[in-house]
Amino acid sequence: MAGVRHTPAAMTIAGSDSGGGAGVQADLKTFAALGVYGTSVLTAITAQNTVAVTAVHEIPVDMISAQIDAVVTDIGADAVKTGMLSSSAIIECVTASLKRYSGVPGVRRLVVDPVMVAKSGDSLLREEAVGALRELLLPMAAVVTPNIPEAETLTGRTIVTDGDIRNAAIAIVGMGAASVVVKGGHREGPATDLYYDGSSFREFTSPRFETANTHGTGCTFASAVAAGLAKGLQTEEAVGRAKGFVTEAIRRSFPIGQGHGPLNHFHELWPETPQQ
């Protein structure tokens, strides 16, 4: 690696959100807010706002691989986070690229956010790619961060009860991931996320806020976990801190656009919540 870097760095491998609320944009905001230098690898460009995804252009796999090479061989990575990987070809490319750098500590601190559907309801993962995500990328993950619909797709199970969530978590770790957080935002009541590391469970609960500003919540949570890992935290602590960061970012959010607005990633830096 060239040069000497003392600032922790995290690399996001994800799609671009032109509305700035999710994807690479949310990841880089989160890294910056949490004191981590962020680098990015674009897997797709989306024409997207708070209402809908109107177009998607996938980046050629040789360009995705070249971006990973460029970042890792110069800046390095203390953690890696994946987001929108829309096709099996892209998942295969990312997996092969990361395996080439398996000696880089940050590659072993891999946070996999299995992005499948945008907040607007638009699909971001082809059906044919689910198997590749499950079989190739999950076994490399330090932690996987699915919401309940994503956990249902990964496991092929219907999730309704607390027991269903626990069984899904066990199944995902059984696919090779070191740990998993099944996020409970789609259920009623307080927002409770279940963490499982193959030996024990822990719940992280926060109040639920009545707001439309939840666009990019999953991206932000996963990148906050990656930021914690990049700074040397153990996975469970990184998850707990990420939960707190996202909760406050939702609480301090403000209206942007006409649909689901984004979180306030810089709530700790902006003394007053802006008004629209």
C-alpha atoms as a PDB file:
ATOM      1  CA  MET A   1       0.000   0.000   0.000  1.00  0.00           C
ATOM      2  CA  ALA A   2       1.238   3.478  -0.840  1.00  0.00           C
ATOM      3  CA  GLY A   3       1.757   6.027   1.885  1.00  0.00           C
ATOM      4  CA  VAL A   4       0.881   5.938   5.571  1.00  0.00           C
ATOM      5  CA  ARG A   5      -2.714   6.508   6.655  1.00  0.00           C
ATOM      6  CA  HIS A   6      -3.826   6.781  10.258  1.00  0.00           C
ATOM      7  CA  THR A   7      -7.427   7.819   9.609  1.00  0.00           C
ATOM      8  CA  PRO A   8      -9.806   4.834   9.442  1.00  0.00           C
ATOM      9  CA  ALA A   9     -11.256   4.292   5.976  1.00  0.00           C
ATOM     10  CA  ALA A  10     -14.280   2.379   4.744  1.00  0.00           C
ATOM     11  CA  MET A  11     -15.184   1.449   1.170  1.00  0.00           C
ATOM     12  CA  THR A  12     -18.765   1.260  -0.062  1.00  0.00           C
ATOM     13  CA  ILE A  13     -19.628  -0.871  -3.092  1.00  0.00           C
ATOM     14  CA  ALA A  14     -23.115   0.183  -4.060  1.00  0.00           C
ATOM     15  CA  GLY A  15     -25.410   2.033  -6.426  1.00  0.00           C
ATOM     16  CA  SER A  16     -25.746   5.789  -6.794  1.00  0.00           C
ATOM     17  CA  ASP A  17     -28.936   7.568  -5.713  1.00  0.00           C
ATOM     18  CA  SER A  18     -29.329  10.820  -7.652  1.00  0.00           C
ATOM     19  CA  GLY A  19     -31.679  12.065  -4.921  1.00  0.00           C
ATOM     20  CA  GLY A  20     -28.855  11.806  -2.393  1.00  0.00           C
ATOM     21  CA  GLY A  21     -30.798   9.925   0.270  1.00  0.00           C
ATOM     22  CA  ALA A  22     -29.649   6.332  -0.161  1.00  0.00           C
ATOM     23  CA  GLY A  23     -26.923   4.305  -1.856  1.00  0.00           C
ATOM     24  CA  VAL A  24     -23.372   5.550  -2.141  1.00  0.00           C
ATOM     25  CA  GLN A  25     -24.425   9.066  -1.229  1.00  0.00           C
ATOM     26  CA  ALA A  26     -25.910   7.962   2.095  1.00  0.00           C
ATOM     27  CA  ASP A  27     -22.900   5.748   2.774  1.00  0.00           C
ATOM     28  CA  LEU A  28     -20.372   8.529   2.239  1.00  0.00           C
ATOM     29  CA  LYS A  29     -22.396  10.936   4.373  1.00  0.00           C
ATOM     30  CA  THR A  30     -22.517   8.355   7.151  1.00  0.00           C
ATOM     31  CA  PHE A  31     -18.789   7.639   6.984  1.00  0.00           C
ATOM     32  CA  ALA A  32     -18.011  11.368   7.123  1.00  0.00           C
ATOM     33  CA  ALA A  33     -20.422  11.994  10.001  1.00  0.00           C
ATOM     34  CA  LEU A  34     -18.798   9.194  12.019  1.00  0.00           C
ATOM     35  CA  GLY A  35     -15.207  10.289  11.429  1.00  0.00           C
ATOM     36  CA  VAL A  36     -14.253   7.717   8.801  1.00  0.00           C
ATOM     37  CA  TYR A  37     -12.733   8.455   5.401  1.00  0.00           C
ATOM     38  CA  GLY A  38     -15.062   7.073   2.753  1.00  0.00           C
ATOM     39  CA  THR A  39     -14.233   5.632  -0.650  1.00  0.00           C
ATOM     40  CA  SER A  40     -16.738   4.378  -3.187  1.00  0.00           C
ATOM     41  CA  VAL A  41     -17.216   1.826  -5.943  1.00  0.00           C
ATOM     42  CA  LEU A  42     -20.270   2.420  -8.128  1.00  0.00           C
ATOM     43  CA  THR A  43     -22.173  -0.675  -9.242  1.00  0.00           C
ATOM     44  CA  ALA A  44     -25.107   1.138 -10.851  1.00  0.00           C
ATOM     45  CA  ILE A  45     -26.412   4.618 -11.545  1.00  0.00           C
ATOM     46  CA  THR A  46     -30.056   5.177 -10.684  1.00  0.00           C
ATOM     47  CA  ALA A  47     -32.301   8.040 -11.712  1.00  0.00           C
ATOM     48  CA  GLN A  48     -34.019   8.309  -8.357  1.00  0.00           C
ATOM     49  CA  ASN A  49     -35.712  10.780  -6.063  1.00  0.00           C
ATOM     50  CA  THR A  50     -37.899  10.569  -2.956  1.00  0.00           C
ATOM     51  CA  VAL A  51     -40.831   9.247  -5.001  1.00  0.00           C
ATOM     52  CA  ALA A  52     -39.501   6.647  -7.444  1.00  0.00           C
ATOM     53  CA  VAL A  53     -36.615   4.993  -9.258  1.00  0.00           C
ATOM     54  CA  THR A  54     -37.180   5.955 -12.889  1.00  0.00           C
ATOM     55  CA  ALA A  55     -34.108   4.390 -14.535  1.00  0.00           C
ATOM     56  CA  VAL A  56     -31.178   2.100 -13.704  1.00  0.00           C
ATOM     57  CA  HIS A  57     -27.881   1.792 -15.569  1.00  0.00           C
ATOM     58  CA  GLU A  58     -25.595  -1.005 -14.394  1.00  0.00           C
ATOM     59  CA  ILE A  59     -21.853  -0.341 -14.459  1.00  0.00           C
ATOM     60  CA  PRO A  60     -19.852  -2.870 -16.545  1.00  0.00           C
ATOM     61  CA  VAL A  61     -18.189  -5.457 -14.335  1.00  0.00           C
ATOM     62  CA  ASP A  62     -14.675  -4.662 -15.568  1.00  0.00           C
ATOM     63  CA  MET A  63     -15.179  -1.072 -14.398  1.00  0.00           C
ATOM     64  CA  ILE A  64     -16.469  -2.256 -11.015  1.00  0.00           C
ATOM     65  CA  SER A  65     -13.398  -4.445 -10.612  1.00  0.00           C
ATOM     66  CA  ALA A  66     -11.115  -1.585 -11.680  1.00  0.00           C
ATOM     67  CA  GLN A  67     -12.642   0.724  -9.066  1.00  0.00           C
ATOM     68  CA  ILE A  68     -12.031  -1.824  -6.303  1.00  0.00           C
ATOM     69  CA  ASP A  69      -8.446  -2.297  -7.469  1.00  0.00           C
ATOM     70  CA  ALA A  70      -7.841   1.457  -7.561  1.00  0.00           C
ATOM     71  CA  VAL A  71      -9.108   2.015  -4.032  1.00  0.00           C
ATOM     72  CA  VAL A  72      -7.607  -0.990  -2.276  1.00  0.00           C
ATOM     73  CA  THR A  73      -4.132  -0.805  -3.827  1.00  0.00           C
ATOM     74  CA  ASP A  74      -3.657   2.830  -2.828  1.00  0.00           C
ATOM     75  CA  ILE A  75      -5.900   3.887   0.057  1.00  0.00           C
ATOM     76  CA  GLY A  76      -6.773   0.475   1.423  1.00  0.00           C
ATOM     77  CA  ALA A  77      -9.849  -0.257   3.527  1.00  0.00           C
ATOM     78  CA  ASP A  78     -10.471  -0.879   7.212  1.00  0.00           C
ATOM     79  CA  ALA A  79     -13.996  -2.082   6.440  1.00  0.00           C
ATOM     80  CA  VAL A  80     -16.101  -2.738   3.352  1.00  0.00           C
ATOM     81  CA  LYS A  81     -19.844  -2.326   2.908  1.00  0.00           C
ATOM     82  CA  THR A  82     -21.869  -3.643  -0.023  1.00  0.00           C
ATOM     83  CA  GLY A  83     -25.244  -2.312  -1.050  1.00  0.00           C
ATOM     84  CA  MET A  84     -27.023  -2.500  -4.401  1.00  0.00           C
ATOM     85  CA  LEU A  85     -25.572  -5.407  -6.399  1.00  0.00           C
ATOM     86  CA  SER A  86     -28.331  -5.823  -8.936  1.00  0.00           C
ATOM     87  CA  SER A  87     -27.248  -8.883 -10.959  1.00  0.00           C
ATOM     88  CA  SER A  88     -25.489 -12.195 -10.458  1.00  0.00           C
ATOM     89  CA  ALA A  89     -22.684 -10.983 -12.753  1.00  0.00           C
ATOM     90  CA  ILE A  90     -22.048  -7.979 -10.501  1.00  0.00           C
ATOM     91  CA  ILE A  91     -22.158 -10.136  -7.367  1.00  0.00           C
ATOM     92  CA  GLU A  92     -19.685 -12.582  -8.931  1.00  0.00           C
ATOM     93  CA  CYS A  93     -17.399  -9.688  -9.889  1.00  0.00           C
ATOM     94  CA  VAL A  94     -17.462  -8.105  -6.431  1.00  0.00           C
ATOM     95  CA  THR A  95     -16.919 -11.447  -4.695  1.00  0.00           C
ATOM     96  CA  ALA A  96     -13.949 -12.316  -6.922  1.00  0.00           C
ATOM     97  CA  SER A  97     -12.416  -8.855  -6.458  1.00  0.00           C
ATOM     98  CA  LEU A  98     -12.720  -8.984  -2.672  1.00  0.00           C
ATOM     99  CA  LYS A  99     -11.253 -12.490  -2.560  1.00  0.00           C
ATOM    100  CA  ARG A 100      -8.178 -11.153  -4.372  1.00  0.00           C
ATOM    101  CA  TYR A 101      -7.643  -8.839  -1.417  1.00  0.00           C
ATOM    102  CA  SER A 102      -8.492 -11.301   1.336  1.00  0.00           C
ATOM    103  CA  GLY A 103      -5.281 -10.329   3.100  1.00  0.00           C
ATOM    104  CA  VAL A 104      -6.549  -6.767   3.599  1.00  0.00           C
ATOM    105  CA  PRO A 105      -8.061  -6.588   7.109  1.00  0.00           C
ATOM    106  CA  GLY A 106     -10.951  -4.432   5.958  1.00  0.00           C
ATOM    107  CA  VAL A 107     -12.129  -7.062   3.487  1.00  0.00           C
ATOM    108  CA  ARG A 108     -12.650  -9.421   6.410  1.00  0.00           C
ATOM    109  CA  ARG A 109     -14.786  -6.692   8.033  1.00  0.00           C
ATOM    110  CA  LEU A 110     -17.429  -6.951   5.337  1.00  0.00           C
ATOM    111  CA  VAL A 111     -20.925  -5.616   5.957  1.00  0.00           C
ATOM    112  CA  VAL A 112     -23.457  -6.979   3.457  1.00  0.00           C
ATOM    113  CA  ASP A 113     -26.665  -5.005   3.090  1.00  0.00           C
ATOM    114  CA  PRO A 114     -28.780  -7.253   0.824  1.00  0.00           C
ATOM    115  CA  VAL A 115     -30.524  -4.385  -0.965  1.00  0.00           C
ATOM    116  CA  MET A 116     -33.530  -5.700  -2.853  1.00  0.00           C
ATOM    117  CA  VAL A 117     -36.211  -2.991  -3.000  1.00  0.00           C
ATOM    118  CA  ALA A 118     -36.046   0.807  -2.823  1.00  0.00           C
ATOM    119  CA  LYS A 119     -38.192   2.711  -0.301  1.00  0.00           C
ATOM    120  CA  SER A 120     -40.433   3.625  -3.238  1.00  0.00           C
ATOM    121  CA  GLY A 121     -41.090  -0.074  -3.880  1.00  0.00           C
ATOM    122  CA  ASP A 122     -38.948  -0.330  -7.006  1.00  0.00           C
ATOM    123  CA  SER A 123     -36.867  -3.506  -7.365  1.00  0.00           C
ATOM    124  CA  LEU A 124     -33.081  -3.114  -7.109  1.00  0.00           C
ATOM    125  CA  LEU A 125     -32.102  -6.798  -7.261  1.00  0.00           C
ATOM    126  CA  ARG A 126     -32.955  -9.191 -10.068  1.00  0.00           C
ATOM    127  CA  GLU A 127     -34.619 -12.400  -8.970  1.00  0.00           C
ATOM    128  CA  GLU A 128     -31.852 -14.440 -10.614  1.00  0.00           C
ATOM    129  CA  ALA A 129     -29.268 -12.740  -8.411  1.00  0.00           C
ATOM    130  CA  VAL A 130     -30.660 -13.849  -5.046  1.00  0.00           C
ATOM    131  CA  GLY A 131     -28.900 -17.225  -5.244  1.00  0.00           C
ATOM    132  CA  ALA A 132     -25.558 -15.600  -6.053  1.00  0.00           C
ATOM    133  CA  LEU A 133     -25.953 -13.208  -3.127  1.00  0.00           C
ATOM    134  CA  ARG A 134     -26.764 -16.070  -0.798  1.00  0.00           C
ATOM    135  CA  GLU A 135     -24.078 -18.476  -2.004  1.00  0.00           C
ATOM    136  CA  LEU A 136     -21.160 -16.187  -2.892  1.00  0.00           C
ATOM    137  CA  LEU A 137     -21.273 -13.042  -0.782  1.00  0.00           C
ATOM    138  CA  LEU A 138     -22.941 -14.047   2.475  1.00  0.00           C
ATOM    139  CA  PRO A 139     -20.186 -16.533   3.417  1.00  0.00           C
ATOM    140  CA  MET A 140     -17.686 -13.645   3.283  1.00  0.00           C
ATOM    141  CA  ALA A 141     -19.700 -11.347   5.555  1.00  0.00           C
ATOM    142  CA  ALA A 142     -18.763 -10.285   9.050  1.00  0.00           C
ATOM    143  CA  VAL A 143     -22.368  -9.171   9.384  1.00  0.00           C
ATOM    144  CA  VAL A 144     -25.462  -9.185   7.139  1.00  0.00           C
ATOM    145  CA  THR A 145     -28.153  -6.538   7.694  1.00  0.00           C
ATOM    146  CA  PRO A 146     -31.468  -7.608   6.087  1.00  0.00           C
ATOM    147  CA  ASN A 147     -34.844  -6.135   6.873  1.00  0.00           C
ATOM    148  CA  ILE A 148     -37.670  -8.617   7.328  1.00  0.00           C
ATOM    149  CA  PRO A 149     -38.724  -8.863   3.641  1.00  0.00           C
ATOM    150  CA  GLU A 150     -35.059  -9.346   2.660  1.00  0.00           C
ATOM    151  CA  ALA A 151     -34.619 -12.002   5.353  1.00  0.00           C
ATOM    152  CA  GLU A 152     -37.714 -13.772   4.024  1.00  0.00           C
ATOM    153  CA  THR A 153     -36.258 -13.789   0.504  1.00  0.00           C
ATOM    154  CA  LEU A 154     -32.851 -15.015   1.667  1.00  0.00           C
ATOM    155  CA  THR A 155     -34.273 -17.832   3.783  1.00  0.00           C
ATOM    156  CA  GLY A 156     -37.456 -18.710   1.896  1.00  0.00           C
ATOM    157  CA  ARG A 157     -39.356 -18.414   5.185  1.00  0.00           C
ATOM    158  CA  THR A 158     -42.362 -16.310   6.161  1.00  0.00           C
ATOM    159  CA  ILE A 159     -41.532 -14.110   9.140  1.00  0.00           C
ATOM    160  CA  VAL A 160     -44.336 -13.096  11.484  1.00  0.00           C
ATOM    161  CA  THR A 161     -43.412 -13.906  15.068  1.00  0.00           C
ATOM    162  CA  ASP A 162     -40.373 -13.299  17.254  1.00  0.00           C
ATOM    163  CA  GLY A 163     -39.559 -16.976  16.848  1.00  0.00           C
ATOM    164  CA  ASP A 164     -39.644 -16.610  13.072  1.00  0.00           C
ATOM    165  CA  ILE A 165     -37.088 -13.806  13.280  1.00  0.00           C
ATOM    166  CA  ARG A 166     -34.791 -15.923  15.449  1.00  0.00           C
ATOM    167  CA  ASN A 167     -35.066 -18.860  13.075  1.00  0.00           C
ATOM    168  CA  ALA A 168     -34.307 -16.623  10.096  1.00  0.00           C
ATOM    169  CA  ALA A 169     -31.241 -15.242  11.879  1.00  0.00           C
ATOM    170  CA  ILE A 170     -30.025 -18.774  12.601  1.00  0.00           C
ATOM    171  CA  ALA A 171     -30.578 -19.752   8.963  1.00  0.00           C
ATOM    172  CA  ILE A 172     -28.629 -16.752   7.616  1.00  0.00           C
ATOM    173  CA  VAL A 173     -25.658 -17.439   9.878  1.00  0.00           C
ATOM    174  CA  GLY A 174     -25.970 -21.031   8.717  1.00  0.00           C
ATOM    175  CA  MET A 175     -25.327 -19.782   5.181  1.00  0.00           C
ATOM    176  CA  GLY A 176     -21.823 -18.777   6.271  1.00  0.00           C
ATOM    177  CA  ALA A 177     -22.134 -15.238   7.597  1.00  0.00           C
ATOM    178  CA  ALA A 178     -20.347 -14.578  10.875  1.00  0.00           C
ATOM    179  CA  SER A 179     -23.333 -12.639  12.223  1.00  0.00           C
ATOM    180  CA  VAL A 180     -26.625 -11.067  11.199  1.00  0.00           C
ATOM    181  CA  VAL A 181     -28.913  -8.220  12.206  1.00  0.00           C
ATOM    182  CA  VAL A 182     -32.534  -8.799  11.215  1.00  0.00           C
ATOM    183  CA  LYS A 183     -34.030  -5.318  11.300  1.00  0.00           C
ATOM    184  CA  GLY A 184     -37.531  -4.935  12.681  1.00  0.00           C
ATOM    185  CA  GLY A 185     -38.617  -1.702  11.047  1.00  0.00           C
ATOM    186  CA  HIS A 186     -41.399  -3.451   9.098  1.00  0.00           C
ATOM    187  CA  ARG A 187     -43.122  -4.700  12.257  1.00  0.00           C
ATOM    188  CA  GLU A 188     -45.540  -2.867  14.545  1.00  0.00           C
ATOM    189  CA  GLY A 189     -44.448  -1.275  17.808  1.00  0.00           C
ATOM    190  CA  PRO A 190     -40.932  -0.190  18.798  1.00  0.00           C
ATOM    191  CA  ALA A 191     -38.233  -0.695  16.186  1.00  0.00           C
ATOM    192  CA  THR A 192     -36.416  -3.800  17.448  1.00  0.00           C
ATOM    193  CA  ASP A 193     -33.463  -5.297  15.589  1.00  0.00           C
ATOM    194  CA  LEU A 194     -32.217  -8.790  16.415  1.00  0.00           C
ATOM    195  CA  TYR A 195     -28.465  -9.473  16.376  1.00  0.00           C
ATOM    196  CA  TYR A 196     -27.160 -13.050  16.261  1.00  0.00           C
ATOM    197  CA  ASP A 197     -23.535 -14.156  16.069  1.00  0.00           C
ATOM    198  CA  GLY A 198     -23.969 -17.908  15.958  1.00  0.00           C
ATOM    199  CA  SER A 199     -23.972 -18.347  19.727  1.00  0.00           C
ATOM    200  CA  SER A 200     -26.121 -15.646  21.310  1.00  0.00           C
ATOM    201  CA  PHE A 201     -28.888 -13.179  20.523  1.00  0.00           C
ATOM    202  CA  ARG A 202     -29.192  -9.511  21.440  1.00  0.00           C
ATOM    203  CA  GLU A 203     -32.045  -7.122  20.772  1.00  0.00           C
ATOM    204  CA  PHE A 204     -31.543  -3.428  19.988  1.00  0.00           C
ATOM    205  CA  THR A 205     -34.714  -1.397  20.421  1.00  0.00           C
ATOM    206  CA  SER A 206     -35.527   2.240  19.690  1.00  0.00           C
ATOM    207  CA  PRO A 207     -38.723   4.317  19.637  1.00  0.00           C
ATOM    208  CA  ARG A 208     -40.682   4.487  16.403  1.00  0.00           C
ATOM    209  CA  PHE A 209     -41.153   7.984  14.996  1.00  0.00           C
ATOM    210  CA  GLU A 210     -44.109   9.037  12.862  1.00  0.00           C
ATOM    211  CA  THR A 211     -42.241  10.388   9.840  1.00  0.00           C
ATOM    212  CA  ALA A 212     -42.001   9.879   6.098  1.00  0.00           C
ATOM    213  CA  ASN A 213     -38.259  10.562   6.229  1.00  0.00           C
ATOM    214  CA  THR A 214     -36.921   7.008   6.154  1.00  0.00           C
ATOM    215  CA  HIS A 215     -35.354   6.867   2.692  1.00  0.00           C
ATOM    216  CA  GLY A 216     -31.890   5.314   2.963  1.00  0.00           C
ATOM    217  CA  THR A 217     -32.361   3.918   6.466  1.00  0.00           C
ATOM    218  CA  GLY A 218     -30.934   0.504   5.571  1.00  0.00           C
ATOM    219  CA  CYS A 219     -27.960   1.940   3.684  1.00  0.00           C
ATOM    220  CA  THR A 220     -27.209   4.305   6.548  1.00  0.00           C
ATOM    221  CA  PHE A 221     -27.418   1.578   9.186  1.00  0.00           C
ATOM    222  CA  ALA A 222     -25.094  -0.787   7.302  1.00  0.00           C
ATOM    223  CA  SER A 223     -22.562   1.943   6.567  1.00  0.00           C
ATOM    224  CA  ALA A 224     -22.654   3.057  10.215  1.00  0.00           C
ATOM    225  CA  VAL A 225     -21.840  -0.537  11.218  1.00  0.00           C
ATOM    226  CA  ALA A 226     -18.967  -0.511   8.704  1.00  0.00           C
ATOM    227  CA  ALA A 227     -17.714   2.781  10.136  1.00  0.00           C
ATOM    228  CA  GLY A 228     -17.640   1.236  13.597  1.00  0.00           C
ATOM    229  CA  LEU A 229     -15.735  -1.804  12.348  1.00  0.00           C
ATOM    230  CA  ALA A 230     -13.273   0.472  10.537  1.00  0.00           C
ATOM    231  CA  LYS A 231     -12.600   2.216  13.846  1.00  0.00           C
ATOM    232  CA  GLY A 232     -11.834  -1.099  15.525  1.00  0.00           C
ATOM    233  CA  LEU A 233     -15.097  -1.819  17.319  1.00  0.00           C
ATOM    234  CA  GLN A 234     -16.314  -5.373  17.785  1.00  0.00           C
ATOM    235  CA  THR A 235     -19.312  -6.207  15.640  1.00  0.00           C
ATOM    236  CA  GLU A 236     -21.929  -6.176  18.403  1.00  0.00           C
ATOM    237  CA  GLU A 237     -20.797  -2.770  19.653  1.00  0.00           C
ATOM    238  CA  ALA A 238     -20.660  -1.417  16.096  1.00  0.00           C
ATOM    239  CA  VAL A 239     -24.252  -2.578  15.587  1.00  0.00           C
ATOM    240  CA  GLY A 240     -25.417  -0.921  18.804  1.00  0.00           C
ATOM    241  CA  ARG A 241     -23.795   2.387  17.946  1.00  0.00           C
ATOM    242  CA  ALA A 242     -25.162   2.252  14.403  1.00  0.00           C
ATOM    243  CA  LYS A 243     -28.657   1.740  15.819  1.00  0.00           C
ATOM    244  CA  GLY A 244     -28.257   4.866  17.932  1.00  0.00           C
ATOM    245  CA  PHE A 245     -26.942   6.905  15.015  1.00  0.00           C
ATOM    246  CA  VAL A 246     -29.819   5.928  12.715  1.00  0.00           C
ATOM    247  CA  THR A 247     -32.422   6.533  15.416  1.00  0.00           C
ATOM    248  CA  GLU A 248     -31.217  10.076  15.986  1.00  0.00           C
ATOM    249  CA  ALA A 249     -30.838  10.698  12.234  1.00  0.00           C
ATOM    250  CA  ILE A 250     -34.499   9.785  11.778  1.00  0.00           C
ATOM    251  CA  ARG A 251     -35.614  11.830  14.785  1.00  0.00           C
ATOM    252  CA  ARG A 252     -33.736  14.903  13.525  1.00  0.00           C
ATOM    253  CA  SER A 253     -34.765  14.497   9.866  1.00  0.00           C
ATOM    254  CA  PHE A 254     -36.547  17.202   7.886  1.00  0.00           C
ATOM    255  CA  PRO A 255     -38.683  17.216   4.719  1.00  0.00           C
ATOM    256  CA  ILE A 256     -36.951  16.857   1.357  1.00  0.00           C
ATOM    257  CA  GLY A 257     -38.952  16.165  -1.809  1.00  0.00           C
ATOM    258  CA  GLN A 258     -42.523  14.942  -2.148  1.00  0.00           C
ATOM    259  CA  GLY A 259     -42.117  11.307  -1.091  1.00  0.00           C
ATOM    260  CA  HIS A 260     -39.975   9.502   1.468  1.00  0.00           C
ATOM    261  CA  GLY A 261     -37.336  12.013   2.527  1.00  0.00           C
ATOM    262  CA  PRO A 262     -33.841  11.072   3.714  1.00  0.00           C
ATOM    263  CA  LEU A 263     -32.384  10.879   7.193  1.00  0.00           C
ATOM    264  CA  ASN A 264     -30.387  13.741   8.664  1.00  0.00           C
ATOM    265  CA  HIS A 265     -26.912  12.210   8.523  1.00  0.00           C
ATOM    266  CA  PHE A 266     -25.292  15.334   9.949  1.00  0.00           C
ATOM    267  CA  HIS A 267     -27.613  15.820  12.897  1.00  0.00           C
ATOM    268  CA  GLU A 268     -24.649  16.107  15.279  1.00  0.00           C
ATOM    269  CA  LEU A 269     -23.090  18.873  13.178  1.00  0.00           C
ATOM    270  CA  TRP A 270     -26.206  20.927  12.447  1.00  0.00           C
ATOM    271  CA  PRO A 271     -27.306  22.610  15.704  1.00  0.00           C
ATOM    272  CA  GLU A 272     -30.840  23.229  14.451  1.00  0.00           C
ATOM    273  CA  THR A 273     -33.022  21.076  12.241  1.00  0.00           C
ATOM    274  CA  PRO A 274     -33.523  22.917   8.920  1.00  0.00           C
ATOM    275  CA  GLN A 275     -37.081  23.650   7.884  1.00  0.00           C
ATOM    276  CA  GLN A 276     -38.493  23.364   4.396  1.00  0.00           C
END
